[in-house]
Amino acid sequence: MTPISTDPAGLTVRGFVPPLALADFRLIAFDMDSTLISIECVDEIADAAGRKAEVASITEAAMRGDIADYKESLRRRVELLAGVPVAALESVYRDRLRLNPGAETLVRACQVAGLKTLLVSGGFTFFTDRVRDRLGLDFTRSNVLEVADGVLTGRMVDQPWGDICDGAEKRRMLLETCARLAIAPRQAIAVGDGANDLPMMGEAGLSVAYHAKPKVREQAMVAIDEGGLDRLLEVLRP
C-alpha cells in the first residue's frame, strides 16, 4: 500500500485518513515479543545456555520472513534450550522483561473504550501468563515449554488446539476470538512486528506494525517506527 500520510516523527498511515474512532473496534490483538514487550524471550533464555547468538540469529531470520517454516524454526531454537533450569526463566522475567514504552497506556485506553484484549504469541506461556495478569488481558494463546526435574527438555507440549502457535494459529485465534465475541474481523486491531504476525494482521480491520521488520512495515495500515505503542492513539481518537 502506498503511504497517504507520513509523520516525520516515524508514524506512517496507509489506506485510510485518520483519525478513526477507537470505540469502533471491539478487540485488539497483540503479539508479545518485541511488540508488547521489549525482548525476545527465547533469545534471553538461550543466554543462560550460552547460545544466545545462535538462537537470536534464527529468531531474526524467522521474524524477517526468511524462514518459511516457523514451527521448525521454533523447534530448532527450543532444542537449544535443553538443560536450562526453570529458575533462568524467572530471572528473564524479573530482570530483563520490560513492557515496551506506551504499552500500558494503549492497553488501558482500549479497555476504557470497551475493547477486549488478546495476547497471541509464538513465545511461551511462562511469560504470556504473567504479562496477561499484569495488564489484565482477556485472552492468550502461546506455547508450553516442557519441563522435567526442574529443567527444560528442549521440547514443547502439545495443547488441545494444536502443537505450536505460528502465524496460521495466530490468524485462527484472532478469528476464533472474533466469533466468540460475535464481532466481525474488521472490528479487530492486530499489532505485531514479525512475519508470523502477518496472517492475523491481514484479517484485522486495522493492522499495526510496531518497530517492525520491513516486510511487516510495508504491509501494515499503520507503522510506528519511532516512539511507543501509545502512538496508535494519534490515529485512533477515544
Protein backbone atom coordinates (compact mmCIF):
# COMPACT_ATOMS: atom_id res chain seq x y z
CA MET A 1 0.00 0.00 0.00
CA THR A 2 1.18 3.49 -0.79
CA PRO A 3 1.54 5.77 2.25
CA ILE A 4 -1.03 8.56 2.25
CA SER A 5 0.19 10.17 5.44
CA THR A 6 3.72 10.04 6.78
CA ASP A 7 4.62 11.74 10.02
CA PRO A 8 8.22 12.99 10.11
CA ALA A 9 8.47 11.56 13.61
CA GLY A 10 8.03 7.98 12.40
CA LEU A 11 4.31 7.30 12.11
CA THR A 12 3.03 6.12 8.71
CA VAL A 13 -0.62 5.60 7.79
CA ARG A 14 -1.82 3.75 4.66
CA GLY A 15 -5.24 3.17 3.20
CA PHE A 16 -7.34 5.48 5.36
CA VAL A 17 -7.50 9.02 6.61
CA PRO A 18 -7.03 9.30 10.39
CA PRO A 19 -8.37 9.56 12.92
CA LEU A 20 -10.61 6.54 13.35
CA ALA A 21 -12.68 6.06 16.49
CA LEU A 22 -11.19 3.60 18.96
CA ALA A 23 -14.71 2.69 20.06
CA ASP A 24 -15.50 1.47 16.52
CA PHE A 25 -13.33 -1.55 17.33
CA ARG A 26 -14.18 -4.35 19.77
CA LEU A 27 -10.92 -6.32 20.02
CA ILE A 28 -7.20 -5.60 19.95
CA ALA A 29 -4.73 -8.44 19.46
CA PHE A 30 -1.07 -8.08 20.39
CA ASP A 31 1.99 -10.09 19.57
CA MET A 32 4.21 -10.25 22.65
CA ASP A 33 7.96 -10.45 21.94
CA SER A 34 9.38 -7.18 20.58
CA THR A 35 5.83 -5.79 20.38
CA LEU A 36 4.14 -5.67 23.76
CA ILE A 37 7.46 -6.35 25.50
CA SER A 38 10.97 -5.20 24.65
CA ILE A 39 12.76 -8.57 24.38
CA GLU A 40 12.62 -11.87 22.51
CA CYS A 41 12.19 -14.26 25.43
CA VAL A 42 13.62 -17.29 23.64
CA ASP A 43 16.85 -15.39 22.94
CA GLU A 44 17.19 -14.36 26.58
CA ILE A 45 16.57 -17.91 27.82
CA ALA A 46 19.26 -19.10 25.41
CA ASP A 47 21.67 -16.69 27.07
CA ALA A 48 21.55 -18.96 30.13
CA ALA A 49 22.75 -21.82 27.93
CA GLY A 50 25.49 -19.75 26.33
CA ARG A 51 23.67 -19.94 22.99
CA LYS A 52 22.07 -16.53 22.64
CA ALA A 53 23.83 -15.56 19.41
CA GLU A 54 22.91 -18.84 17.74
CA VAL A 55 19.26 -18.68 18.79
CA ALA A 56 18.93 -14.95 18.10
CA SER A 57 20.13 -15.41 14.52
CA ILE A 58 17.34 -17.95 13.90
CA THR A 59 14.79 -15.65 15.58
CA GLU A 60 15.83 -12.71 13.43
CA ALA A 61 15.57 -14.75 10.23
CA ALA A 62 12.14 -16.07 11.23
CA MET A 63 10.83 -12.61 12.06
CA ARG A 64 12.10 -11.20 8.76
CA GLY A 65 10.28 -13.98 6.94
CA ASP A 66 13.48 -15.56 5.62
CA ILE A 67 12.48 -18.90 7.18
CA ALA A 68 9.22 -20.14 5.71
CA ASP A 69 8.56 -22.86 8.32
CA TYR A 70 8.08 -21.00 11.61
CA LYS A 71 7.27 -24.18 13.53
CA GLU A 72 10.53 -25.82 12.53
CA SER A 73 12.49 -22.67 13.38
CA LEU A 74 10.95 -22.61 16.85
CA ARG A 75 11.62 -26.32 17.41
CA ARG A 76 15.27 -25.73 16.49
CA ARG A 77 15.54 -22.86 18.96
CA VAL A 78 13.78 -24.71 21.77
CA GLU A 79 16.05 -27.74 21.28
CA LEU A 80 18.99 -25.47 22.04
CA LEU A 81 17.39 -24.61 25.41
CA ALA A 82 17.62 -28.19 26.72
CA GLY A 83 19.06 -28.27 30.23
CA VAL A 84 18.27 -24.65 31.11
CA PRO A 85 16.82 -24.52 34.63
CA VAL A 86 13.33 -23.11 35.10
CA ALA A 87 14.89 -20.60 37.51
CA ALA A 88 16.52 -18.98 34.48
CA LEU A 89 13.07 -18.19 33.05
CA GLU A 90 12.12 -16.49 36.28
CA SER A 91 15.31 -14.45 36.06
CA VAL A 92 14.47 -13.41 32.48
CA TYR A 93 11.03 -12.28 33.58
CA ARG A 94 12.27 -10.45 36.65
CA ASP A 95 15.45 -8.86 35.31
CA ARG A 96 15.05 -8.49 31.54
CA LEU A 97 11.41 -8.43 30.51
CA ARG A 98 10.02 -4.91 30.26
CA LEU A 99 6.84 -3.62 28.67
CA ASN A 100 7.55 -1.52 25.62
CA PRO A 101 7.02 2.24 26.00
CA GLY A 102 3.36 3.16 25.79
CA ALA A 103 2.15 -0.43 26.09
CA GLU A 104 0.27 0.02 29.33
CA THR A 105 -1.19 3.35 28.18
CA LEU A 106 -2.52 1.80 24.97
CA VAL A 107 -3.94 -1.25 26.71
CA ARG A 108 -5.70 0.86 29.34
CA ALA A 109 -7.17 3.19 26.69
CA CYS A 110 -8.52 0.19 24.79
CA GLN A 111 -10.01 -1.30 27.95
CA VAL A 112 -11.67 2.00 28.86
CA ALA A 113 -13.13 2.16 25.33
CA GLY A 114 -14.63 -1.29 25.82
CA LEU A 115 -12.29 -3.36 23.65
CA LYS A 116 -11.39 -6.91 24.63
CA THR A 117 -7.69 -7.74 24.59
CA LEU A 118 -5.88 -10.75 23.13
CA LEU A 119 -2.23 -11.70 23.54
CA VAL A 120 -1.25 -14.20 20.86
CA SER A 121 2.38 -15.22 20.77
CA GLY A 122 4.87 -17.62 19.25
CA GLY A 123 6.53 -17.41 22.66
CA PHE A 124 5.80 -19.24 25.87
CA THR A 125 3.06 -19.41 28.49
CA PHE A 126 5.60 -18.84 31.26
CA PHE A 127 5.77 -15.23 30.07
CA THR A 128 2.40 -14.66 28.38
CA ASP A 129 0.52 -15.70 31.53
CA ARG A 130 2.46 -13.20 33.61
CA VAL A 131 2.04 -10.39 31.08
CA ARG A 132 -1.67 -11.21 30.82
CA ASP A 133 -2.11 -10.97 34.57
CA ARG A 134 -0.02 -7.80 34.79
CA LEU A 135 -2.11 -5.97 32.20
CA GLY A 136 -5.46 -7.62 32.85
CA LEU A 137 -5.73 -9.04 29.32
CA ASP A 138 -8.74 -11.15 28.39
CA PHE A 139 -7.35 -13.92 26.18
CA THR A 140 -3.99 -15.52 25.43
CA ARG A 141 -2.53 -18.19 23.19
CA SER A 142 1.11 -19.31 23.20
CA ASN A 143 3.37 -22.33 23.55
CA VAL A 144 4.18 -24.52 26.55
CA LEU A 145 7.80 -25.44 27.28
CA GLU A 146 8.24 -28.99 28.54
CA VAL A 147 9.94 -29.25 31.93
CA ALA A 148 11.36 -32.31 33.70
CA ASP A 149 13.20 -32.29 37.03
CA GLY A 150 13.29 -28.50 37.05
CA VAL A 151 14.97 -28.06 33.66
CA LEU A 152 13.80 -27.54 30.09
CA THR A 153 13.79 -30.70 27.98
CA GLY A 154 14.20 -28.89 24.66
CA ARG A 155 10.67 -29.75 23.60
CA MET A 156 7.22 -28.17 23.70
CA VAL A 157 3.97 -29.68 24.94
CA ASP A 158 1.07 -30.21 22.55
CA GLN A 159 -2.13 -28.41 23.58
CA PRO A 160 -5.81 -29.10 22.83
CA TRP A 161 -5.75 -26.60 19.95
CA GLY A 162 -2.52 -27.91 18.36
CA ASP A 163 1.23 -28.05 18.68
CA ILE A 164 2.77 -24.62 18.02
CA CYS A 165 1.34 -21.11 17.81
CA ASP A 166 2.67 -19.97 14.45
CA GLY A 167 1.30 -17.41 12.03
CA ALA A 168 -1.58 -19.65 10.95
CA GLU A 169 -2.56 -20.26 14.56
CA LYS A 170 -2.39 -16.54 15.35
CA ARG A 171 -4.81 -15.93 12.48
CA ARG A 172 -7.08 -18.73 13.65
CA MET A 173 -7.08 -17.44 17.24
CA LEU A 174 -7.95 -13.94 16.09
CA LEU A 175 -10.87 -15.24 14.05
CA GLU A 176 -11.95 -17.61 16.83
CA THR A 177 -11.94 -14.77 19.34
CA CYS A 178 -13.96 -12.55 16.99
CA ALA A 179 -16.52 -15.35 16.64
CA ARG A 180 -16.59 -15.81 20.40
CA LEU A 181 -17.33 -12.11 20.81
CA ALA A 182 -19.84 -12.14 17.93
CA ILE A 183 -17.95 -9.44 16.05
CA ALA A 184 -16.59 -9.17 12.51
CA PRO A 185 -12.80 -9.33 11.97
CA ARG A 186 -12.99 -5.76 10.64
CA GLN A 187 -13.79 -4.74 14.23
CA ALA A 188 -10.41 -6.07 15.38
CA ILE A 189 -7.00 -4.41 15.56
CA ALA A 190 -3.86 -6.57 15.21
CA VAL A 191 -0.45 -5.33 16.37
CA GLY A 192 2.81 -7.09 15.58
CA ASP A 193 6.39 -6.83 14.37
CA GLY A 194 7.35 -10.09 12.66
CA ALA A 195 6.43 -12.09 9.58
CA ASN A 196 4.47 -14.59 11.68
CA ASP A 197 2.10 -11.73 12.61
CA LEU A 198 1.09 -11.04 9.00
CA PRO A 199 -1.66 -13.70 8.78
CA MET A 200 -3.61 -12.20 11.70
CA MET A 201 -2.83 -8.66 10.61
CA GLY A 202 -4.28 -9.48 7.20
CA GLU A 203 -7.63 -10.44 8.76
CA ALA A 204 -7.99 -7.46 11.09
CA GLY A 205 -9.80 -4.26 10.24
CA LEU A 206 -6.71 -2.31 11.31
CA SER A 207 -3.17 -3.70 11.11
CA VAL A 208 -0.38 -2.05 13.08
CA ALA A 209 3.37 -2.63 12.71
CA TYR A 210 5.42 -1.66 15.74
CA HIS A 211 9.15 -1.14 15.12
CA ALA A 212 8.64 -3.98 12.69
CA LYS A 213 10.62 -5.94 10.12
CA PRO A 214 10.50 -4.40 6.62
CA LYS A 215 8.04 -6.95 5.19
CA VAL A 216 5.59 -6.23 8.02
CA ARG A 217 6.03 -2.47 7.96
CA GLU A 218 5.34 -2.39 4.22
CA GLN A 219 2.02 -4.25 4.56
CA ALA A 220 0.58 -2.66 7.69
CA MET A 221 -2.02 0.09 7.64
CA VAL A 222 -0.22 1.88 10.48
CA ALA A 223 3.55 1.69 11.01
CA ILE A 224 5.04 3.04 14.23
CA ASP A 225 8.78 3.36 13.65
CA GLU A 226 9.59 5.82 16.43
CA GLY A 227 8.15 6.22 19.91
CA GLY A 228 5.89 3.98 21.93
CA LEU A 229 2.84 1.83 21.30
CA ASP A 230 0.61 4.61 22.54
CA ARG A 231 1.33 6.49 19.31
CA LEU A 232 -1.50 4.41 17.90
CA LEU A 233 -3.78 6.74 19.85
CA GLU A 234 -2.71 9.51 17.48
CA VAL A 235 -4.76 7.81 14.74
CA LEU A 236 -7.50 6.37 16.98
CA ARG A 237 -9.47 9.01 18.83
CA PRO A 238 -11.07 7.96 22.15
